[in-house]
Structures are given as structure tokens and as C-alpha cells.
């Protein structure tokens, strides 16, 4: 009996939680065809694949692998495990991958492709954030002191990044800055 652990991950809040279930379903189907027994399921939601350090379930998977709980790790694609070349090579050294012919050449080439994709994605994200800022919109999450403004554009699509001052929270921020100035003036 071959024991297999399934791993799934999606990168950001812009993707759907269902992505993990879709990935796991494909892995279960493959396991069934191979007559493998699924003994563990691991998933990291809305976490970048740029590294493995901050992903709790991949860390748990590695720990369980070291204790011999399964022989194979199955993921929909190599980039679900990591987009970082060093991580992929390290995982390859410690684990046996299934779901396709994965060897040293595959790991090297795919690892390079994943690293290039992450670099290009970072450039695209910065470009998009700069464009939002230049258009007077917020480029990130909701900051304290502001609230979301929900409006639609001409085509009925939501306009992202619109904010307005939350007066109650703004009063708190003003008080904090005033008290900080008072403390600073007393110290001098």
C-alpha cells in the first residue's frame, strides 16, 4: 500500500478558496487511479509560494514526511509546493514527487520558470499599485482612519481602491499625533 499526502495552495486573496478544493479533488482522483491511500491533506490558503518558511501546512507536511507518515507528496503542479528554486531543490532532495515525471532536470527548469514568474509578477504588481496611486486610489488594504467607498464604473464593475475618511477613527489618529507632539516637546 502506497501512502500519499496531498498538498494544495493558492497565493492571494484575489483567488478563490475553492481553488484548494479543486486542487485536492484532482489529487484525489489521481491517487484513486494509482491505487494510493491518501493519509494526509495539507493546504495553505492565501499565502505566497515564494518560500516555504511562512506556510504552516507545508512545514507540517515536512515534519510528517520526516516521521515516515507517507511515501509520496502529490500536488497539482510543482509551483503549488514552491516558486523558489532553492526550496524546490530542497524539497526534491527530501521528498518523492508524484503526478508526473519529475526528475532533476524538471526541477531545475521548472524551478527557474517559477522564479522568473515571481519576479515578473512583482514588477506587474508594483506597476498596478503605482497606477492606482497616480489615479488617486489606495494601492493596498484598508488603513485605520479610512473606510471603503463602494462605487461602480460605467460598465458596472467595482472601482477598487476608493477610500474616504472615517471621522471617528480620524479623531483618534489626530489625538495620537497631538499627544505624540506634546511628549516630543516635553522631552526637548
N, C-alpha and C. Protein backbone atom coordinates (compact mmCIF):
# COMPACT_ATOMS: atom_id res chain seq x y z
N UNK A 1 0.85 -1.17 0.00
CA UNK A 1 0.00 0.00 0.00
C UNK A 1 0.90 1.24 0.00
N UNK A 2 0.71 2.10 -1.00
CA UNK A 2 1.47 3.35 -1.08
C UNK A 2 0.66 4.45 -0.41
N UNK A 3 1.28 5.06 0.59
CA UNK A 3 0.63 6.15 1.32
C UNK A 3 1.03 7.48 0.72
N UNK A 4 0.03 8.34 0.45
CA UNK A 4 0.28 9.61 -0.21
C UNK A 4 -0.30 10.76 0.63
N UNK A 5 0.43 11.87 0.62
CA UNK A 5 -0.04 13.10 1.24
C UNK A 5 -0.35 14.09 0.12
N UNK A 6 -1.47 14.78 0.24
CA UNK A 6 -1.87 15.76 -0.76
C UNK A 6 -1.55 17.17 -0.26
N UNK A 7 -1.07 18.01 -1.17
CA UNK A 7 -0.78 19.40 -0.81
C UNK A 7 -1.42 20.33 -1.83
N UNK A 8 -2.05 21.40 -1.32
CA UNK A 8 -2.66 22.41 -2.19
C UNK A 8 -2.37 23.79 -1.60
N UNK A 9 -2.33 24.78 -2.49
CA UNK A 9 -2.07 26.15 -2.05
C UNK A 9 -2.60 27.11 -3.10
N UNK A 10 -3.11 28.25 -2.63
CA UNK A 10 -3.34 29.36 -3.55
C UNK A 10 -2.70 30.60 -2.96
N UNK A 11 -2.38 31.55 -3.85
CA UNK A 11 -1.47 32.62 -3.48
C UNK A 11 -2.06 33.81 -2.77
N UNK A 12 -3.21 34.26 -3.16
CA UNK A 12 -3.65 35.55 -2.63
C UNK A 12 -5.14 35.59 -2.41
N UNK A 13 -5.55 36.69 -1.79
CA UNK A 13 -6.98 36.91 -1.55
C UNK A 13 -7.74 37.11 -2.85
N UNK A 14 -7.03 37.34 -3.96
CA UNK A 14 -7.71 37.53 -5.24
C UNK A 14 -8.14 36.20 -5.85
N UNK A 15 -7.67 35.09 -5.30
CA UNK A 15 -8.09 33.78 -5.78
C UNK A 15 -9.17 33.24 -4.86
N UNK A 16 -9.82 32.20 -5.32
CA UNK A 16 -10.94 31.65 -4.57
C UNK A 16 -10.50 30.54 -3.61
N UNK A 17 -11.17 30.48 -2.46
CA UNK A 17 -10.93 29.40 -1.50
C UNK A 17 -11.19 28.05 -2.18
N UNK A 18 -12.12 28.03 -3.14
CA UNK A 18 -12.44 26.78 -3.85
C UNK A 18 -11.25 26.25 -4.63
N UNK A 19 -10.26 27.09 -4.90
CA UNK A 19 -9.07 26.64 -5.61
C UNK A 19 -8.41 25.47 -4.90
N UNK A 20 -8.37 25.53 -3.58
CA UNK A 20 -7.76 24.44 -2.82
C UNK A 20 -8.56 23.15 -3.00
N UNK A 21 -9.87 23.23 -2.89
CA UNK A 21 -10.69 22.03 -3.07
C UNK A 21 -10.56 21.47 -4.48
N UNK A 22 -10.47 22.36 -5.47
CA UNK A 22 -10.29 21.90 -6.86
C UNK A 22 -8.97 21.16 -7.01
N UNK A 23 -7.89 21.71 -6.43
CA UNK A 23 -6.59 21.06 -6.49
C UNK A 23 -6.63 19.70 -5.79
N UNK A 24 -7.22 19.67 -4.60
CA UNK A 24 -7.28 18.42 -3.84
C UNK A 24 -8.13 17.37 -4.55
N UNK A 25 -9.20 17.80 -5.22
CA UNK A 25 -10.04 16.86 -5.96
C UNK A 25 -9.23 16.18 -7.06
N UNK A 26 -8.45 16.98 -7.81
CA UNK A 26 -7.60 16.40 -8.86
C UNK A 26 -6.59 15.42 -8.28
N UNK A 27 -6.01 15.77 -7.15
CA UNK A 27 -5.04 14.89 -6.50
C UNK A 27 -5.70 13.60 -6.01
N UNK A 28 -6.90 13.72 -5.46
CA UNK A 28 -7.61 12.51 -5.01
C UNK A 28 -7.93 11.59 -6.18
N UNK A 29 -8.36 12.19 -7.30
CA UNK A 29 -8.66 11.40 -8.50
C UNK A 29 -7.41 10.66 -8.98
N UNK A 30 -6.28 11.35 -9.00
CA UNK A 30 -5.03 10.72 -9.43
C UNK A 30 -4.63 9.60 -8.45
N UNK A 31 -4.79 9.86 -7.17
CA UNK A 31 -4.46 8.85 -6.15
C UNK A 31 -5.32 7.61 -6.33
N UNK A 32 -6.59 7.82 -6.61
CA UNK A 32 -7.51 6.71 -6.82
C UNK A 32 -7.07 5.86 -8.02
N UNK A 33 -6.71 6.54 -9.13
CA UNK A 33 -6.25 5.82 -10.33
C UNK A 33 -4.99 5.01 -10.06
N UNK A 34 -4.11 5.56 -9.23
CA UNK A 34 -2.86 4.87 -8.91
C UNK A 34 -3.01 3.84 -7.79
N UNK A 35 -4.20 3.82 -7.17
CA UNK A 35 -4.49 2.92 -6.04
C UNK A 35 -3.64 3.26 -4.82
N UNK A 36 -3.39 4.55 -4.64
CA UNK A 36 -2.67 5.03 -3.47
C UNK A 36 -3.68 5.34 -2.37
N UNK A 37 -3.23 5.26 -1.14
CA UNK A 37 -4.08 5.59 0.00
C UNK A 37 -3.70 6.99 0.50
N UNK A 38 -4.68 7.88 0.49
CA UNK A 38 -4.45 9.24 0.97
C UNK A 38 -4.46 9.21 2.50
N UNK A 39 -3.34 9.58 3.10
CA UNK A 39 -3.21 9.55 4.56
C UNK A 39 -3.11 10.94 5.18
N UNK A 40 -3.00 11.95 4.34
CA UNK A 40 -2.91 13.31 4.88
C UNK A 40 -3.21 14.35 3.83
N UNK A 41 -3.82 15.44 4.27
CA UNK A 41 -4.13 16.55 3.38
C UNK A 41 -3.59 17.82 4.02
N UNK A 42 -2.88 18.61 3.23
CA UNK A 42 -2.23 19.83 3.71
C UNK A 42 -2.59 20.96 2.75
N UNK A 43 -2.89 22.12 3.28
CA UNK A 43 -3.27 23.24 2.42
C UNK A 43 -2.91 24.57 3.08
N UNK A 44 -2.33 25.46 2.30
CA UNK A 44 -2.03 26.81 2.75
C UNK A 44 -2.82 27.77 1.88
N UNK A 45 -3.73 28.50 2.50
CA UNK A 45 -4.63 29.40 1.77
C UNK A 45 -4.12 30.84 1.80
N UNK A 46 -4.20 31.49 0.65
CA UNK A 46 -3.86 32.91 0.50
C UNK A 46 -2.45 33.23 1.00
N UNK A 47 -1.51 32.32 0.68
CA UNK A 47 -0.11 32.51 1.08
C UNK A 47 0.77 32.36 -0.15
N UNK A 48 1.70 33.28 -0.32
CA UNK A 48 2.60 33.26 -1.47
C UNK A 48 3.40 31.97 -1.54
N UNK A 49 3.68 31.55 -2.75
CA UNK A 49 4.53 30.38 -2.96
C UNK A 49 5.99 30.74 -3.10
N UNK A 50 6.33 32.00 -2.79
CA UNK A 50 7.71 32.45 -2.96
C UNK A 50 8.66 31.74 -2.01
N UNK A 51 8.19 31.20 -0.92
CA UNK A 51 9.04 30.48 0.02
C UNK A 51 8.20 29.56 0.88
N UNK A 52 8.86 28.69 1.63
CA UNK A 52 8.12 27.73 2.46
C UNK A 52 8.12 28.08 3.94
N UNK A 53 8.91 29.06 4.34
CA UNK A 53 9.09 29.36 5.76
C UNK A 53 7.79 29.78 6.44
N UNK A 54 7.00 30.62 5.81
CA UNK A 54 5.80 31.16 6.44
C UNK A 54 4.53 30.40 6.09
N UNK A 55 4.67 29.16 5.65
CA UNK A 55 3.49 28.36 5.31
C UNK A 55 3.36 27.23 6.32
N UNK A 56 2.41 27.34 7.24
CA UNK A 56 2.31 26.36 8.31
C UNK A 56 2.06 24.93 7.84
N UNK A 57 1.22 24.74 6.81
CA UNK A 57 0.91 23.36 6.43
C UNK A 57 2.05 22.70 5.65
N UNK A 58 2.83 23.45 4.90
CA UNK A 58 3.98 22.80 4.24
C UNK A 58 5.01 22.42 5.30
N UNK A 59 5.12 23.21 6.35
CA UNK A 59 6.02 22.87 7.45
C UNK A 59 5.53 21.60 8.15
N UNK A 60 4.23 21.50 8.36
CA UNK A 60 3.65 20.30 8.97
C UNK A 60 3.86 19.09 8.07
N UNK A 61 3.71 19.29 6.75
CA UNK A 61 3.92 18.21 5.78
C UNK A 61 5.37 17.70 5.87
N UNK A 62 6.33 18.62 5.93
CA UNK A 62 7.74 18.22 6.01
C UNK A 62 8.01 17.44 7.30
N UNK A 63 7.42 17.90 8.39
CA UNK A 63 7.60 17.20 9.66
C UNK A 63 7.01 15.80 9.60
N UNK A 64 5.81 15.68 9.03
CA UNK A 64 5.17 14.37 8.91
C UNK A 64 5.94 13.45 7.95
N UNK A 65 6.54 14.04 6.91
CA UNK A 65 7.34 13.25 5.97
C UNK A 65 8.56 12.67 6.68
N UNK A 66 9.19 13.47 7.52
CA UNK A 66 10.37 13.01 8.25
C UNK A 66 10.04 11.89 9.22
N UNK A 67 8.81 11.89 9.72
CA UNK A 67 8.42 10.82 10.65
C UNK A 67 7.85 9.60 9.91
N UNK A 68 7.91 9.62 8.57
CA UNK A 68 7.54 8.43 7.78
C UNK A 68 6.05 8.19 7.64
N UNK A 69 5.23 9.22 7.74
CA UNK A 69 3.78 9.02 7.66
C UNK A 69 3.28 8.73 6.25
N UNK A 70 4.09 9.00 5.23
CA UNK A 70 3.71 8.75 3.83
C UNK A 70 4.97 8.60 2.99
N UNK A 71 4.77 8.05 1.79
CA UNK A 71 5.89 7.85 0.88
C UNK A 71 5.93 8.89 -0.23
N UNK A 72 4.77 9.46 -0.56
CA UNK A 72 4.66 10.35 -1.72
C UNK A 72 3.92 11.62 -1.33
N UNK A 73 4.37 12.74 -1.91
CA UNK A 73 3.64 14.00 -1.81
C UNK A 73 3.09 14.29 -3.20
N UNK A 74 1.81 14.55 -3.26
CA UNK A 74 1.15 14.82 -4.54
C UNK A 74 0.54 16.21 -4.51
N UNK A 75 0.90 17.01 -5.51
CA UNK A 75 0.34 18.35 -5.69
C UNK A 75 -0.07 18.49 -7.14
N UNK A 76 -0.98 19.41 -7.40
CA UNK A 76 -1.46 19.62 -8.77
C UNK A 76 -0.30 19.99 -9.70
N UNK A 77 0.61 20.80 -9.21
CA UNK A 77 1.76 21.22 -10.01
C UNK A 77 2.91 21.54 -9.06
N UNK A 78 4.10 21.54 -9.59
CA UNK A 78 5.29 21.80 -8.79
C UNK A 78 5.25 23.18 -8.14
N UNK A 79 4.67 24.17 -8.83
CA UNK A 79 4.64 25.52 -8.27
C UNK A 79 3.69 25.66 -7.09
N UNK A 80 2.83 24.68 -6.86
CA UNK A 80 1.99 24.70 -5.66
C UNK A 80 2.85 24.48 -4.42
N UNK A 81 3.93 23.69 -4.58
CA UNK A 81 4.83 23.45 -3.46
C UNK A 81 5.70 24.66 -3.18
N UNK A 82 6.27 25.25 -4.23
CA UNK A 82 7.06 26.47 -4.05
C UNK A 82 7.43 27.04 -5.40
N UNK A 83 7.55 28.37 -5.44
CA UNK A 83 8.04 29.04 -6.63
C UNK A 83 9.51 29.40 -6.51
N UNK A 84 10.11 29.06 -5.38
CA UNK A 84 11.50 29.39 -5.11
C UNK A 84 12.39 28.20 -5.49
N UNK A 85 13.41 28.45 -6.32
CA UNK A 85 14.27 27.38 -6.81
C UNK A 85 14.95 26.61 -5.69
N UNK A 86 15.45 27.33 -4.72
CA UNK A 86 16.16 26.69 -3.61
C UNK A 86 15.22 25.78 -2.82
N UNK A 87 13.99 26.28 -2.57
CA UNK A 87 13.01 25.47 -1.84
C UNK A 87 12.64 24.21 -2.62
N UNK A 88 12.42 24.37 -3.92
CA UNK A 88 12.04 23.22 -4.74
C UNK A 88 13.14 22.17 -4.73
N UNK A 89 14.38 22.62 -4.89
CA UNK A 89 15.50 21.68 -4.89
C UNK A 89 15.60 20.98 -3.53
N UNK A 90 15.42 21.74 -2.45
CA UNK A 90 15.46 21.15 -1.11
C UNK A 90 14.34 20.16 -0.89
N UNK A 91 13.15 20.51 -1.34
CA UNK A 91 12.01 19.58 -1.22
C UNK A 91 12.28 18.32 -2.04
N UNK A 92 12.81 18.49 -3.24
CA UNK A 92 13.09 17.35 -4.10
C UNK A 92 14.07 16.40 -3.44
N UNK A 93 15.05 16.95 -2.75
CA UNK A 93 16.04 16.12 -2.07
C UNK A 93 15.39 15.28 -0.98
N UNK A 94 14.39 15.84 -0.32
CA UNK A 94 13.79 15.16 0.84
C UNK A 94 12.54 14.36 0.52
N UNK A 95 11.90 14.67 -0.58
CA UNK A 95 10.62 14.04 -0.87
C UNK A 95 10.61 13.42 -2.27
N UNK A 96 9.69 12.51 -2.45
CA UNK A 96 9.48 11.93 -3.78
C UNK A 96 8.19 12.54 -4.31
N UNK A 97 8.22 13.15 -5.49
CA UNK A 97 7.05 13.80 -6.07
C UNK A 97 6.32 12.81 -6.97
N UNK A 98 5.01 12.97 -7.07
CA UNK A 98 4.20 12.12 -7.96
C UNK A 98 3.28 13.01 -8.78
N UNK A 99 2.64 12.39 -9.77
CA UNK A 99 1.71 13.14 -10.59
C UNK A 99 2.33 13.57 -11.90
N UNK A 100 3.49 13.08 -12.19
CA UNK A 100 4.17 13.42 -13.43
C UNK A 100 5.63 13.03 -13.33
N UNK A 101 6.31 13.01 -14.46
CA UNK A 101 7.72 12.62 -14.44
C UNK A 101 8.58 13.77 -13.91
N UNK A 102 8.84 13.76 -12.64
CA UNK A 102 9.63 14.82 -12.03
C UNK A 102 11.02 14.27 -11.72
N UNK A 103 12.02 14.88 -12.34
CA UNK A 103 13.40 14.49 -12.08
C UNK A 103 14.22 15.76 -11.88
N UNK A 104 15.54 15.59 -11.77
CA UNK A 104 16.41 16.73 -11.51
C UNK A 104 16.30 17.80 -12.59
N UNK A 105 16.20 17.39 -13.86
CA UNK A 105 16.09 18.35 -14.95
C UNK A 105 14.77 19.13 -14.84
N UNK A 106 13.69 18.41 -14.58
CA UNK A 106 12.37 19.05 -14.44
C UNK A 106 12.40 20.06 -13.30
N UNK A 107 12.95 19.66 -12.17
CA UNK A 107 13.02 20.54 -11.01
C UNK A 107 13.83 21.79 -11.34
N UNK A 108 14.95 21.62 -12.02
CA UNK A 108 15.79 22.76 -12.37
C UNK A 108 15.09 23.71 -13.33
N UNK A 109 14.53 23.17 -14.41
CA UNK A 109 13.86 24.03 -15.40
C UNK A 109 12.60 24.66 -14.84
N UNK A 110 11.75 23.87 -14.20
CA UNK A 110 10.50 24.40 -13.66
C UNK A 110 10.79 25.37 -12.53
N UNK A 111 11.80 25.07 -11.72
CA UNK A 111 12.18 25.98 -10.65
C UNK A 111 12.61 27.33 -11.20
N UNK A 112 13.37 27.30 -12.31
CA UNK A 112 13.79 28.56 -12.94
C UNK A 112 12.57 29.30 -13.49
N UNK A 113 11.67 28.60 -14.14
CA UNK A 113 10.46 29.23 -14.67
C UNK A 113 9.63 29.84 -13.55
N UNK A 114 9.50 29.15 -12.43
CA UNK A 114 8.73 29.68 -11.30
C UNK A 114 9.38 30.95 -10.76
N UNK A 115 10.71 30.94 -10.64
CA UNK A 115 11.42 32.11 -10.12
C UNK A 115 11.24 33.31 -11.06
N UNK A 116 11.32 33.09 -12.37
CA UNK A 116 11.11 34.17 -13.33
C UNK A 116 9.67 34.69 -13.26
N UNK A 117 8.71 33.79 -13.11
CA UNK A 117 7.31 34.21 -12.99
C UNK A 117 7.12 35.10 -11.77
N UNK A 118 7.70 34.71 -10.63
CA UNK A 118 7.55 35.52 -9.41
C UNK A 118 8.19 36.89 -9.58
N UNK A 119 9.34 36.95 -10.24
CA UNK A 119 9.99 38.24 -10.47
C UNK A 119 9.12 39.13 -11.34
N UNK A 120 8.58 38.56 -12.43
CA UNK A 120 7.72 39.33 -13.33
C UNK A 120 6.43 39.75 -12.63
N UNK A 121 5.88 38.87 -11.81
CA UNK A 121 4.66 39.19 -11.08
C UNK A 121 4.87 40.36 -10.14
N UNK A 122 6.02 40.40 -9.47
CA UNK A 122 6.32 41.52 -8.56
C UNK A 122 6.37 42.83 -9.33
N UNK A 123 6.96 42.81 -10.52
CA UNK A 123 7.03 44.02 -11.35
C UNK A 123 5.61 44.45 -11.74
N UNK A 124 4.78 43.51 -12.15
CA UNK A 124 3.41 43.83 -12.55
C UNK A 124 2.59 44.38 -11.38
N UNK A 125 2.79 43.82 -10.20
CA UNK A 125 2.06 44.29 -9.02
C UNK A 125 2.47 45.72 -8.70
N UNK A 126 3.78 45.99 -8.70
CA UNK A 126 4.25 47.37 -8.43
C UNK A 126 3.71 48.34 -9.48
N UNK A 127 3.70 47.93 -10.73
CA UNK A 127 3.18 48.79 -11.80
C UNK A 127 1.70 49.09 -11.55
N UNK A 128 0.93 48.08 -11.20
CA UNK A 128 -0.50 48.27 -10.92
C UNK A 128 -0.73 49.15 -9.71
N UNK A 129 0.06 48.96 -8.67
CA UNK A 129 -0.08 49.79 -7.47
C UNK A 129 0.27 51.24 -7.78
N UNK A 130 1.32 51.46 -8.56
CA UNK A 130 1.70 52.83 -8.94
C UNK A 130 0.57 53.49 -9.73
N UNK A 131 -0.03 52.76 -10.64
CA UNK A 131 -1.15 53.30 -11.43
C UNK A 131 -2.33 53.68 -10.55
N UNK A 132 -2.65 52.85 -9.57
CA UNK A 132 -3.74 53.17 -8.64
C UNK A 132 -3.45 54.45 -7.87
N UNK A 133 -2.22 54.56 -7.38
CA UNK A 133 -1.83 55.75 -6.61
C UNK A 133 -1.92 56.99 -7.48
N UNK A 134 -1.42 56.91 -8.72
CA UNK A 134 -1.47 58.06 -9.62
C UNK A 134 -2.91 58.46 -9.95
N UNK A 135 -3.83 57.50 -9.88
CA UNK A 135 -5.25 57.80 -10.12
C UNK A 135 -5.98 58.22 -8.85
N UNK A 136 -5.22 58.38 -7.75
CA UNK A 136 -5.83 58.84 -6.51
C UNK A 136 -6.51 57.75 -5.70
N UNK A 137 -6.20 56.51 -5.98
CA UNK A 137 -6.81 55.39 -5.26
C UNK A 137 -5.79 54.76 -4.32
N UNK A 138 -6.28 54.04 -3.33
CA UNK A 138 -5.40 53.31 -2.42
C UNK A 138 -4.84 52.09 -3.15
N UNK A 139 -3.58 51.78 -2.89
CA UNK A 139 -2.94 50.65 -3.56
C UNK A 139 -2.90 49.40 -2.70
N UNK A 140 -3.26 49.53 -1.43
CA UNK A 140 -3.18 48.38 -0.53
C UNK A 140 -4.48 48.16 0.22
N UNK A 141 -4.34 47.57 1.39
CA UNK A 141 -5.50 47.27 2.22
C UNK A 141 -6.09 48.51 2.85
N UNK A 142 -7.05 48.29 3.69
CA UNK A 142 -7.77 49.38 4.36
C UNK A 142 -6.98 49.83 5.58
N UNK A 143 -6.58 51.09 5.58
CA UNK A 143 -5.83 51.66 6.70
C UNK A 143 -6.80 52.23 7.73
N UNK A 144 -6.35 52.20 8.99
CA UNK A 144 -7.16 52.79 10.06
C UNK A 144 -7.33 54.27 9.78
N UNK A 145 -8.53 54.78 9.95
CA UNK A 145 -8.83 56.18 9.69
C UNK A 145 -9.59 56.37 8.39
N UNK A 146 -9.75 55.26 7.63
CA UNK A 146 -10.46 55.33 6.36
C UNK A 146 -11.50 54.21 6.30
N UNK A 147 -12.47 54.38 5.44
CA UNK A 147 -13.43 53.31 5.16
C UNK A 147 -13.55 53.15 3.64
N UNK A 148 -13.99 51.99 3.24
CA UNK A 148 -14.15 51.68 1.82
C UNK A 148 -15.27 52.51 1.21
N UNK A 149 -15.08 52.89 -0.02
CA UNK A 149 -16.14 53.53 -0.80
C UNK A 149 -16.49 52.54 -1.90
N UNK A 150 -17.75 52.17 -1.96
CA UNK A 150 -18.18 51.19 -2.97
C UNK A 150 -18.90 51.92 -4.09
N UNK A 151 -18.26 51.94 -5.27
CA UNK A 151 -18.83 52.54 -6.47
C UNK A 151 -18.57 51.64 -7.65
N UNK A 152 -19.40 51.79 -8.66
CA UNK A 152 -19.23 51.02 -9.89
C UNK A 152 -18.81 51.96 -11.02
N UNK A 153 -18.01 51.43 -11.96
CA UNK A 153 -17.64 52.23 -13.12
C UNK A 153 -18.75 52.17 -14.16
N UNK A 154 -18.50 52.76 -15.34
CA UNK A 154 -19.53 52.83 -16.40
C UNK A 154 -20.02 51.45 -16.84
N UNK A 155 -19.14 50.46 -16.75
CA UNK A 155 -19.53 49.11 -17.20
C UNK A 155 -20.10 48.26 -16.08
N UNK A 156 -20.29 48.85 -14.90
CA UNK A 156 -20.88 48.12 -13.78
C UNK A 156 -19.88 47.34 -12.94
N UNK A 157 -18.59 47.52 -13.22
CA UNK A 157 -17.54 46.84 -12.45
C UNK A 157 -17.19 47.67 -11.22
N UNK A 158 -16.85 47.02 -10.10
CA UNK A 158 -16.46 47.79 -8.91
C UNK A 158 -15.17 48.58 -9.14
N UNK A 159 -15.14 49.80 -8.63
CA UNK A 159 -13.93 50.61 -8.68
C UNK A 159 -13.16 50.30 -7.40
N UNK A 160 -12.00 49.73 -7.54
CA UNK A 160 -11.20 49.32 -6.38
C UNK A 160 -10.30 50.46 -5.92
N UNK A 161 -10.04 50.49 -4.62
CA UNK A 161 -9.09 51.43 -4.08
C UNK A 161 -9.67 52.77 -3.66
N UNK A 162 -10.99 52.90 -3.68
CA UNK A 162 -11.60 54.16 -3.24
C UNK A 162 -11.76 54.15 -1.72
N UNK A 163 -11.36 55.25 -1.10
CA UNK A 163 -11.45 55.38 0.35
C UNK A 163 -11.99 56.76 0.70
N UNK A 164 -12.56 56.89 1.89
CA UNK A 164 -12.92 58.18 2.44
C UNK A 164 -12.57 58.17 3.92
N UNK A 165 -12.41 59.34 4.47
CA UNK A 165 -12.03 59.46 5.87
C UNK A 165 -13.18 59.00 6.75
N UNK A 166 -12.86 58.16 7.73
CA UNK A 166 -13.81 57.76 8.78
C UNK A 166 -13.58 58.76 9.92
N UNK A 167 -14.49 59.68 10.11
CA UNK A 167 -14.27 60.80 11.02
C UNK A 167 -14.00 60.34 12.45
N UNK A 168 -14.69 59.32 12.93
CA UNK A 168 -14.46 58.82 14.30
C UNK A 168 -13.02 58.33 14.44
N UNK A 169 -12.58 57.49 13.50
CA UNK A 169 -11.21 56.98 13.54
C UNK A 169 -10.19 58.09 13.31
N UNK A 170 -10.53 59.07 12.47
CA UNK A 170 -9.63 60.19 12.21
C UNK A 170 -9.40 61.00 13.49
N UNK A 171 -10.43 61.15 14.31
CA UNK A 171 -10.28 61.86 15.59
C UNK A 171 -9.28 61.13 16.49
N UNK A 172 -9.36 59.82 16.50
CA UNK A 172 -8.42 59.02 17.29
C UNK A 172 -7.00 59.26 16.79
N UNK A 173 -6.82 59.24 15.47
CA UNK A 173 -5.49 59.45 14.89
C UNK A 173 -4.97 60.85 15.23
N UNK A 174 -5.83 61.87 15.13
CA UNK A 174 -5.41 63.23 15.46
C UNK A 174 -4.96 63.32 16.92
N UNK A 175 -5.73 62.68 17.81
CA UNK A 175 -5.37 62.69 19.23
C UNK A 175 -4.02 62.02 19.46
N UNK A 176 -3.77 60.91 18.78
CA UNK A 176 -2.49 60.20 18.92
C UNK A 176 -1.35 61.11 18.47
N UNK A 177 -1.52 61.77 17.33
CA UNK A 177 -0.46 62.66 16.84
C UNK A 177 -0.26 63.86 17.77
N UNK A 178 -1.35 64.42 18.27
CA UNK A 178 -1.24 65.55 19.21
C UNK A 178 -0.49 65.14 20.47
N UNK A 179 -0.87 63.98 21.03
CA UNK A 179 -0.19 63.51 22.24
C UNK A 179 1.28 63.21 21.97
N UNK A 180 1.56 62.68 20.79
CA UNK A 180 2.96 62.41 20.42
C UNK A 180 3.76 63.71 20.34
N UNK A 181 3.17 64.75 19.74
CA UNK A 181 3.84 66.05 19.67
C UNK A 181 4.08 66.63 21.06
N UNK A 182 3.08 66.49 21.94
CA UNK A 182 3.22 67.00 23.31
C UNK A 182 4.36 66.32 24.02
N UNK A 183 4.45 65.01 23.91
CA UNK A 183 5.53 64.25 24.55
C UNK A 183 6.87 64.67 23.98
N UNK A 184 6.93 64.81 22.65
CA UNK A 184 8.17 65.22 21.99
C UNK A 184 8.63 66.59 22.45
N UNK A 185 7.71 67.52 22.63
CA UNK A 185 8.05 68.87 23.07
C UNK A 185 8.53 68.88 24.52
N UNK A 186 7.95 68.00 25.34
CA UNK A 186 8.39 67.93 26.75
C UNK A 186 9.78 67.34 26.87
N UNK A 187 10.13 66.42 25.99
CA UNK A 187 11.44 65.76 26.03
C UNK A 187 12.54 66.74 25.65
N UNK A 188 12.25 67.67 24.80
CA UNK A 188 13.26 68.65 24.35
C UNK A 188 13.50 69.59 25.42
